[in-house]
Structure formats: structure tokens, C-alpha cells
Protein backbone atom coordinates (compact mmCIF):
# COMPACT_ATOMS: atom_id res chain seq x y z
CA MET A 1 0.14 0.04 0.06
CA PHE A 2 0.95 3.62 -0.01
CA ASN A 3 4.08 4.64 1.66
CA ARG A 4 4.00 8.15 3.43
CA ARG A 5 7.81 8.62 2.54
CA LEU A 6 6.91 8.73 -1.19
CA TYR A 7 5.02 12.01 -0.69
CA ARG A 8 8.39 13.89 -0.72
CA TYR A 9 8.64 12.87 -4.42
CA LEU A 10 5.30 13.90 -5.33
CA ASP A 11 5.33 16.43 -8.18
CA TRP A 12 3.37 19.29 -6.65
CA PRO A 13 3.85 21.70 -9.64
CA LEU A 14 2.10 19.27 -11.75
CA VAL A 15 -0.69 18.90 -9.15
CA ALA A 16 -1.03 22.54 -8.93
CA ALA A 17 -1.36 23.03 -12.83
CA VAL A 18 -4.01 20.15 -13.11
CA TYR A 19 -6.09 21.68 -10.39
CA ALA A 20 -5.74 25.16 -11.81
CA LEU A 21 -7.20 24.00 -14.93
CA CYS A 22 -9.97 22.47 -13.01
CA VAL A 23 -10.91 25.69 -11.22
CA ILE A 24 -10.66 27.55 -14.35
CA GLY A 25 -13.14 25.20 -15.89
CA VAL A 26 -15.50 25.45 -12.99
CA LEU A 27 -15.50 29.25 -13.41
CA MET A 28 -16.12 29.05 -17.03
CA ILE A 29 -18.92 26.68 -16.68
CA TYR A 30 -20.48 28.87 -13.99
CA SER A 31 -20.19 31.82 -16.33
CA THR A 32 -22.22 29.93 -18.94
CA THR A 33 -24.84 28.18 -16.78
CA GLY A 34 -25.00 30.20 -13.52
CA ASP A 35 -27.73 32.52 -14.61
CA ALA A 36 -30.86 31.80 -12.63
CA THR A 37 -33.18 32.49 -15.47
CA ARG A 38 -31.61 29.46 -17.10
CA ALA A 39 -33.07 26.90 -14.63
CA ALA A 40 -32.23 24.01 -16.71
CA THR A 41 -28.52 24.37 -16.54
CA ALA A 42 -28.21 26.85 -13.41
CA ARG A 43 -26.44 24.55 -11.22
CA LEU A 44 -24.10 22.49 -13.50
CA PHE A 45 -21.26 24.07 -11.96
CA LEU A 46 -22.03 22.51 -8.89
CA VAL A 47 -22.41 19.04 -10.36
CA GLN A 48 -18.68 19.79 -11.84
CA ILE A 49 -17.32 20.62 -8.29
CA TYR A 50 -18.99 17.01 -7.14
CA ALA A 51 -17.12 15.26 -10.15
CA ILE A 52 -13.67 16.95 -9.13
CA LEU A 53 -14.29 15.72 -5.41
CA ILE A 54 -15.14 12.29 -6.72
CA GLY A 55 -12.06 12.40 -9.11
CA THR A 56 -9.75 13.50 -6.37
CA ALA A 57 -10.71 10.28 -4.59
CA ALA A 58 -9.94 8.19 -7.68
CA PHE A 59 -6.66 10.33 -8.18
CA VAL A 60 -5.68 9.49 -4.58
CA ILE A 61 -6.42 5.73 -5.22
CA CYS A 62 -4.37 5.58 -8.62
CA LEU A 63 -1.64 7.31 -6.89
CA SER A 64 -1.52 5.12 -3.65
CA VAL A 65 -1.32 1.61 -5.33
CA ASP A 66 1.84 0.80 -7.10
CA TYR A 67 1.41 1.20 -10.95
CA ARG A 68 3.13 -2.21 -11.34
CA SER A 69 0.39 -4.00 -9.01
CA LEU A 70 -2.26 -2.30 -11.24
CA ALA A 71 -0.45 -3.40 -14.23
CA ASP A 72 -0.42 -6.97 -12.88
CA ARG A 73 -4.22 -6.70 -12.67
CA ALA A 74 -4.80 -4.79 -16.16
CA HIS A 75 -6.48 -7.66 -17.80
CA VAL A 76 -9.11 -7.80 -15.05
CA LEU A 77 -9.61 -3.96 -15.34
CA TYR A 78 -9.76 -4.27 -19.20
CA MET A 79 -12.41 -7.05 -19.04
CA LEU A 80 -14.42 -5.10 -16.39
CA ALA A 81 -14.29 -2.20 -18.89
CA LEU A 82 -15.58 -4.20 -21.82
CA GLY A 83 -18.28 -5.51 -19.52
CA THR A 84 -19.57 -1.88 -18.68
CA LEU A 85 -19.43 -1.06 -22.51
CA LEU A 86 -21.61 -4.11 -23.13
CA TYR A 87 -23.87 -3.26 -20.20
CA VAL A 88 -24.58 0.14 -21.40
CA LEU A 89 -25.43 -0.94 -25.06
CA VAL A 90 -28.26 -3.09 -23.51
CA PHE A 91 -29.10 -1.27 -20.39
CA GLY A 92 -27.84 2.40 -20.79
CA VAL A 93 -29.65 5.46 -21.01
CA ALA A 94 -30.47 6.66 -24.43
CA ARG A 95 -30.23 10.25 -25.27
CA GLY A 96 -29.63 12.40 -28.28
CA GLY A 97 -29.31 9.39 -30.47
CA GLY A 98 -26.73 7.51 -28.45
CA ARG A 99 -26.82 4.98 -25.59
CA ARG A 100 -23.76 5.95 -23.64
CA TRP A 101 -24.62 6.42 -19.91
CA ILE A 102 -25.57 4.64 -16.70
CA VAL A 103 -27.77 6.60 -14.31
CA LEU A 104 -26.10 7.74 -10.97
CA PRO A 105 -27.51 10.12 -8.23
CA LEU A 106 -25.07 13.09 -9.08
CA PHE A 107 -24.55 12.44 -12.85
CA ASN A 108 -24.80 9.93 -15.54
CA LEU A 109 -21.59 7.63 -15.79
CA GLN A 110 -20.13 7.41 -19.21
CA PRO A 111 -18.03 4.08 -19.03
CA SER A 112 -16.26 4.69 -22.22
CA GLU A 113 -14.18 7.52 -20.53
CA PHE A 114 -12.52 4.80 -18.25
CA VAL A 115 -11.69 2.34 -21.12
CA LYS A 116 -8.55 4.61 -21.82
CA LEU A 117 -6.94 3.85 -18.63
CA ALA A 118 -7.49 0.15 -18.55
CA LEU A 119 -6.34 0.11 -22.13
CA ALA A 120 -3.04 2.23 -21.20
CA LEU A 121 -2.36 -0.17 -18.35
CA LEU A 122 -2.80 -3.42 -20.38
CA LEU A 123 -0.92 -2.23 -23.55
CA ALA A 124 2.05 -0.83 -21.35
CA ARG A 125 2.19 -4.28 -19.82
CA LEU A 126 1.97 -5.92 -23.10
CA PHE A 127 4.83 -3.85 -24.78
CA ALA A 128 6.93 -3.72 -21.58
CA SER A 129 6.95 -7.65 -21.66
CA ASN A 130 8.87 -7.62 -25.02
CA VAL A 131 12.49 -8.29 -24.59
CA GLN A 132 13.45 -7.21 -27.99
CA LYS A 133 14.39 -3.78 -28.88
CA ASN A 134 11.44 -3.09 -31.05
CA PRO A 135 7.87 -4.28 -30.83
CA THR A 136 7.15 -7.44 -32.83
CA THR A 137 4.63 -8.06 -35.24
CA ALA A 138 2.56 -10.04 -32.52
CA ASN A 139 2.97 -6.95 -30.19
CA LEU A 140 1.37 -4.76 -32.75
CA VAL A 141 -1.26 -7.08 -34.00
CA ILE A 142 -2.41 -8.04 -30.37
CA GLY A 143 -2.25 -4.29 -29.54
CA GLY A 144 -4.43 -3.63 -32.45
CA LEU A 145 -7.24 -6.22 -31.35
CA LEU A 146 -7.02 -4.99 -27.71
CA THR A 147 -7.70 -1.45 -29.06
CA GLY A 148 -10.23 -2.44 -31.59
CA VAL A 149 -12.67 -4.29 -29.53
CA PRO A 150 -13.72 -1.35 -27.26
CA LEU A 151 -13.21 1.00 -30.06
CA LEU A 152 -15.83 -1.05 -31.77
CA LEU A 153 -18.36 -1.19 -28.90
CA ILE A 154 -17.98 2.65 -28.32
CA MET A 155 -18.70 3.33 -31.98
CA ILE A 156 -21.71 1.11 -31.81
CA GLN A 157 -23.09 3.42 -29.02
CA PRO A 158 -22.70 5.44 -31.39
CA ASP A 159 -19.76 7.76 -30.12
CA LEU A 160 -17.01 8.18 -32.54
CA GLY A 161 -15.37 11.12 -30.83
CA THR A 162 -14.61 9.02 -27.79
CA ALA A 163 -13.69 5.91 -29.73
CA LEU A 164 -11.03 7.96 -31.42
CA THR A 165 -9.24 8.85 -28.26
CA LEU A 166 -8.33 5.17 -27.84
CA VAL A 167 -6.08 5.22 -31.04
CA PRO A 168 -3.47 7.69 -29.55
CA VAL A 169 -3.07 5.18 -26.86
CA LEU A 170 -1.85 2.70 -28.96
CA ILE A 171 0.25 4.87 -31.25
CA GLY A 172 1.90 6.58 -28.34
CA ILE A 173 2.87 3.29 -26.58
CA ALA A 174 4.00 1.65 -29.81
CA TYR A 175 5.97 4.75 -30.96
CA VAL A 176 7.88 4.98 -27.66
CA GLY A 177 8.31 1.14 -27.72
CA GLY A 178 10.39 1.59 -30.87
CA MET A 179 7.72 1.02 -33.75
CA ARG A 180 9.67 1.68 -37.13
CA LEU A 181 8.38 4.65 -39.02
CA ARG A 182 7.93 2.37 -42.03
CA VAL A 183 5.30 0.41 -40.10
CA ALA A 184 3.48 3.74 -39.39
CA GLY A 185 3.66 4.65 -43.21
CA VAL A 186 2.17 1.31 -44.02
CA LEU A 187 -0.51 2.05 -41.47
CA LEU A 188 -1.19 5.44 -43.00
CA ALA A 189 -1.43 4.00 -46.43
CA LEU A 190 -3.92 1.44 -45.53
CA THR A 191 -5.91 4.11 -43.85
CA ILE A 192 -6.00 6.17 -46.86
CA VAL A 193 -6.91 3.25 -49.28
CA ALA A 194 -9.76 2.31 -46.75
CA ALA A 195 -10.95 5.99 -46.66
CA PRO A 196 -13.41 5.70 -49.48
CA ALA A 197 -14.97 2.50 -47.93
CA VAL A 198 -15.18 3.81 -44.66
CA TRP A 199 -17.13 6.81 -46.14
CA THR A 200 -19.59 4.76 -47.98
CA TYR A 201 -20.28 1.88 -45.57
CA ALA A 202 -19.03 2.87 -42.24
CA LEU A 203 -20.18 6.46 -41.62
CA LYS A 204 -23.74 7.48 -41.03
CA ASP A 205 -25.41 10.38 -42.72
CA TYR A 206 -25.10 12.82 -39.89
CA GLN A 207 -21.43 12.10 -39.71
CA LYS A 208 -20.91 12.65 -43.51
CA ALA A 209 -22.97 15.88 -42.97
CA ARG A 210 -20.36 16.95 -40.31
CA VAL A 211 -17.43 16.45 -42.76
CA VAL A 212 -19.14 18.42 -45.54
CA THR A 213 -20.05 21.09 -42.97
CA PHE A 214 -16.67 21.47 -41.72
CA LEU A 215 -15.35 22.00 -45.19
CA ASP A 216 -18.06 24.65 -45.94
CA PRO A 217 -20.06 25.65 -42.76
CA TRP A 218 -21.66 28.59 -44.71
CA ARG A 219 -23.44 26.03 -46.87
CA ASP A 220 -26.00 25.80 -43.99
CA PRO A 221 -25.35 28.64 -41.76
CA ARG A 222 -28.57 28.51 -39.65
CA GLY A 223 -28.64 24.61 -39.48
CA LYS A 224 -25.86 22.23 -39.44
CA GLY A 225 -22.97 24.85 -39.78
CA TYR A 226 -24.61 27.10 -37.13
CA GLN A 227 -22.47 25.74 -34.16
CA GLN A 228 -19.09 25.75 -35.95
CA ILE A 229 -19.92 29.46 -37.20
CA GLN A 230 -20.82 30.46 -33.80
CA ALA A 231 -17.53 28.84 -32.19
CA GLN A 232 -15.35 30.81 -34.66
CA ILE A 233 -17.20 34.18 -33.93
CA THR A 234 -16.85 33.59 -30.08
CA VAL A 235 -13.36 32.93 -30.23
CA GLY A 236 -12.69 35.95 -32.36
CA ALA A 237 -14.68 38.27 -30.35
CA GLY A 238 -12.45 38.23 -27.27
CA GLY A 239 -9.52 40.23 -28.74
CA LEU A 240 -6.49 40.67 -26.53
CA TRP A 241 -7.93 41.03 -23.04
CA GLY A 242 -11.46 39.59 -23.73
CA GLN A 243 -14.78 41.02 -22.85
CA GLY A 244 -14.67 40.09 -19.03
CA PHE A 245 -16.19 37.30 -16.90
CA ARG A 246 -19.57 36.61 -17.64
CA LYS A 247 -19.75 39.72 -20.11
CA GLY A 248 -19.26 37.82 -23.30
CA THR A 249 -22.12 38.42 -25.45
CA GLN A 250 -22.06 34.96 -27.52
CA GLY A 251 -21.76 32.86 -24.44
CA GLN A 252 -24.26 34.90 -22.25
CA LEU A 253 -26.90 35.41 -24.88
CA ASN A 254 -26.80 31.68 -25.80
CA PHE A 255 -25.64 32.35 -29.32
CA LEU A 256 -23.26 29.28 -28.95
CA PRO A 257 -25.10 26.08 -28.01
CA VAL A 258 -24.06 23.85 -25.21
CA ALA A 259 -21.20 26.29 -24.50
CA HIS A 260 -20.24 24.58 -21.15
CA ASN A 261 -19.34 21.39 -22.69
CA ASP A 262 -17.36 20.89 -26.08
CA PHE A 263 -16.78 24.73 -26.65
CA ILE A 264 -15.73 25.76 -23.20
CA PHE A 265 -12.54 27.12 -24.97
CA SER A 266 -14.40 29.42 -27.15
CA VAL A 267 -16.08 31.05 -23.99
CA LEU A 268 -12.66 31.23 -22.30
CA ALA A 269 -11.47 32.92 -25.43
CA GLU A 270 -14.31 35.49 -25.54
CA GLU A 271 -14.28 36.44 -22.06
CA HIS A 272 -10.49 36.59 -21.32
CA GLY A 273 -9.19 37.04 -24.89
CA PHE A 274 -5.61 36.21 -26.07
CA VAL A 275 -4.11 36.69 -22.75
CA GLY A 276 -6.54 34.08 -21.07
CA VAL A 277 -6.05 31.78 -23.90
CA LEU A 278 -2.25 31.77 -23.75
CA SER A 279 -2.31 31.58 -19.97
CA VAL A 280 -4.55 28.12 -20.31
CA LEU A 281 -2.32 26.85 -23.18
CA GLY A 282 0.66 27.46 -20.92
CA LEU A 283 -0.73 25.17 -18.22
CA TYR A 284 -1.60 22.48 -20.72
CA LEU A 285 2.08 22.57 -22.31
CA PHE A 286 3.48 22.64 -18.75
CA ILE A 287 1.42 19.42 -17.87
CA VAL A 288 2.51 17.70 -21.09
CA VAL A 289 6.26 18.58 -20.74
CA ARG A 290 6.31 17.68 -16.94
CA SER A 291 4.61 14.38 -17.70
CA LEU A 292 7.06 13.63 -20.60
CA ASP A 293 9.88 14.22 -18.16
CA THR A 294 8.13 11.75 -15.99
CA ALA A 295 8.17 9.09 -18.76
CA ARG A 296 11.77 9.77 -19.40
CA HIS A 297 12.85 9.28 -15.78
CA ALA A 298 10.67 6.33 -14.99
CA LYS A 299 12.30 3.48 -13.26
CA ASP A 300 11.14 0.91 -15.90
CA ARG A 301 9.82 0.46 -19.29
CA LEU A 302 6.28 -0.20 -17.89
CA GLY A 303 6.14 3.17 -16.20
CA THR A 304 7.35 4.92 -19.35
CA TYR A 305 4.58 3.24 -21.57
CA LEU A 306 1.90 3.92 -18.90
CA VAL A 307 2.73 7.52 -18.88
CA VAL A 308 2.91 7.78 -22.70
CA GLY A 309 -0.47 6.00 -23.21
CA VAL A 310 -2.07 8.29 -20.62
CA LEU A 311 -0.62 11.43 -22.02
CA SER A 312 -1.17 10.60 -25.78
CA SER A 313 -4.89 10.23 -25.16
CA PHE A 314 -4.86 13.52 -23.15
CA THR A 315 -2.88 15.52 -25.65
CA PHE A 316 -4.95 14.43 -28.61
CA GLN A 317 -8.10 15.68 -26.74
CA VAL A 318 -6.61 18.98 -25.82
CA LEU A 319 -5.31 19.59 -29.47
CA TYR A 320 -8.36 18.11 -31.04
CA ASN A 321 -10.97 20.26 -28.95
CA ILE A 322 -8.91 23.58 -29.31
CA SER A 323 -8.79 22.92 -33.11
CA MET A 324 -12.65 22.29 -33.32
CA SER A 325 -13.07 25.72 -31.45
CA ALA A 326 -10.77 27.37 -33.92
CA GLY A 327 -12.72 25.83 -36.92
CA LEU A 328 -9.68 23.74 -37.65
CA ALA A 329 -11.41 20.16 -36.99
CA ILE A 330 -14.76 18.59 -37.62
CA VAL A 331 -16.99 19.15 -34.78
CA LYS A 332 -17.18 15.99 -32.57
CA GLY A 333 -18.13 15.32 -28.94
CA ILE A 334 -14.54 15.52 -27.66
CA PRO A 335 -14.48 17.58 -24.37
CA LEU A 336 -11.50 19.68 -23.38
CA PRO A 337 -9.95 17.68 -20.51
CA LEU A 338 -10.09 19.04 -16.91
CA MET A 339 -12.28 22.10 -18.36
CA SER A 340 -15.40 20.91 -20.00
CA TYR A 341 -18.51 19.89 -18.19
CA GLY A 342 -18.62 16.29 -17.67
CA GLY A 343 -18.12 14.02 -14.67
CA SER A 344 -16.92 10.98 -16.29
CA SER A 345 -14.23 12.74 -18.34
CA MET A 346 -13.32 14.72 -15.21
CA ILE A 347 -12.98 11.51 -13.00
CA ALA A 348 -11.29 9.69 -15.56
CA THR A 349 -8.81 12.46 -16.31
CA LEU A 350 -7.87 12.97 -12.77
CA ALA A 351 -7.44 9.12 -12.22
CA GLY A 352 -4.95 9.20 -15.17
CA PHE A 353 -2.98 11.99 -13.76
CA GLY A 354 -2.89 9.80 -10.48
CA LEU A 355 -1.07 7.14 -12.47
CA VAL A 356 1.29 9.52 -14.14
CA LEU A 357 2.31 10.76 -10.58
CA ASN A 358 2.35 7.40 -9.24
CA VAL A 359 5.19 6.44 -11.81
CA ARG A 360 7.08 9.53 -10.73
CA MET A 361 7.03 9.00 -7.24
CA ARG A 362 8.30 5.52 -7.49
CA ARG A 363 11.21 6.14 -9.81
CA PHE A 364 13.50 5.69 -6.86
CA THR A 365 12.10 2.49 -5.10
CA ASN A 366 12.70 -1.06 -5.75
């Protein structure tokens, strides 16, 4: 169990950066939903605070148990994650065209958010068990299957955005594990070749519409292109210093739909301008650099791969969400980690950084 002497190795600057983003996120959610006239969303920021408290408990648990012990039980956690995905498909709450949640007292739990952690543990253990310098074909095939099964189950919900966040976990671990660039080139070529078939047979009509809307949002400015156009207007309205806390016209007057969720970054840009955006990006960059340093100085390959797996998915979500807010990526349901409204995302992200700090604390232990 947890050794109190390990506290002296805890990376407090990383902890501070993570929770600073949580606080900024709560303030932004309050700004967009705290108005008493919007009764349907008026207390969402309180729910977000509850999620942070629960996430802190998950953070402490993931910090306290030796990551090598967790990796030994990774297959159990992975099977449990698959079980919850199957449960959701049969008994989950259906809403907005998807079946993704389990009803809980404070919020609805989205099991797919936790699959990333189980997958990172299992893939880290798989690639760390390889005694060769580079991953074998068997490693890559098994890793692909382990990633593909939950990805397929999440796509059936359907939730393509969350499903995509699993891919960076595999790519990140395989790359650090020594995957040759020519293998990556072959995978990229296969993706390009398969693209027409995916477009024709795999994508649903609304998903194709999102791609078309991304390429030309002004094709339907009051319909499918409305959210993307409003997000870009909101980002541009902030200027250098922003319009002030709770004074942004786009966010406060509800021109931007569900601003507290996937477009929280747009609200930040409008209210706090370029300076606020730069400050938040600085915190995200600090977290990434600090975590990479943890991966570099980990005691063993298992620790390195685990940190890279968690960090790859986190970084992908940050980059995609910000690109989406700026109109540089297709609008998908990918929240901004630590800031967007969402209990499951918050708990899973804090648990993930519990694992990262777990590796850093134990770099000097046997």
C-alpha cells in the first residue's frame, strides 16, 4: 500500500497545474450556466465540483497503489471495462441518438471514458513484456485487437469522438516502444486506401454531414453549420484582453449552443481574450512537458509506456478540442480535459494523472 515517505517525491507543480485548470473550468461553466433564468443548467457548475471531488478520490487511489500492481491486474480492469460497455449497449440511458450512460445520483456515468485507462495499463504491460528492442508483429497485432474491440463497442453506441481517443494510446506506446516509421507509413497508407470504403459503408449520414459542414460551414449557416460558425465568432470576439467574466455576448446570450461542454475554450477566448487563452495553453503545455519528463525518468519501461499512454490520449483531446473551437477540425463530442463539463471525463482524467504521478513517485523505489 501507500508509503508516506513517497510524498516527498510527489510532483506538486504538476498537481497544481492540473487543479488550476479544474478551477478555471468550473468558473467558465459557472459563467455560461450560473444564470438563474436558465433553470435547466443553472447548477451544472455544482455538479462539476462534485465530479472534481470524486475525481480527487480516484486520483488518490491511482496514486497510492503501486502502478506495477495495477498493471498485473490490467487484464481484469480491461475485461471489466468491456463489461460496462456491453452493459451500456443493453441497459444504458439513450439520449440524443446515443446509448452511452449509466444513471447515477449526481450525474450519468459514461463508462467509455474509463476504457482509456484500462487500455493504457494493458498495452503498457504488453509492450513492456517484449524483450526485443522494437515491438514485434505479434505485439502490434495484439495491441491493435485490444484497442479495436472497445473502439468498436464505443462506435456502436454511437460515439465516434470518444472511440477515436483510444487510438493515440496505442500509437503513443508503440512509437515509444520502438515501432519503425515504415510500419507507421504502412498503417497510414492502409488508412488512405480504406477511406473511400469507410465513407461509403461505415459513416452514418449525420457523420458525413459533419464532414461536409466542416469543409463549408456557410453552406447551411442556420442549420448544420451554425455551431461551428458561432464557435469561431466567439473565439474571435475576445480580442487581446477579452470582454470580461460573464460579459461575453456570444456565451451569455446563448448564441453558442452547449457552450459549457465541448466549446468551453471558445467561451474562455471570448471572456478573457488572447491573454487568457495563452495562460491556459501554458498550463496544458506545462502538464505535457512535465509528464514527458516523468516518462523519461521512469524506473522501468512499464512506467514509461503507462505515462505515454495516458498522456497521448490527453494531448490528442486537448489539441482536437482547441482545433474544433478554432474551426480547424470537424465538430465531434470530444471535451477539453479538466475544463469541459462532464463528470466521467473529469474523474477519468484525474485518475489518469494519479497514474502519471504514481510512476514519478516510485522512480527511486525497488
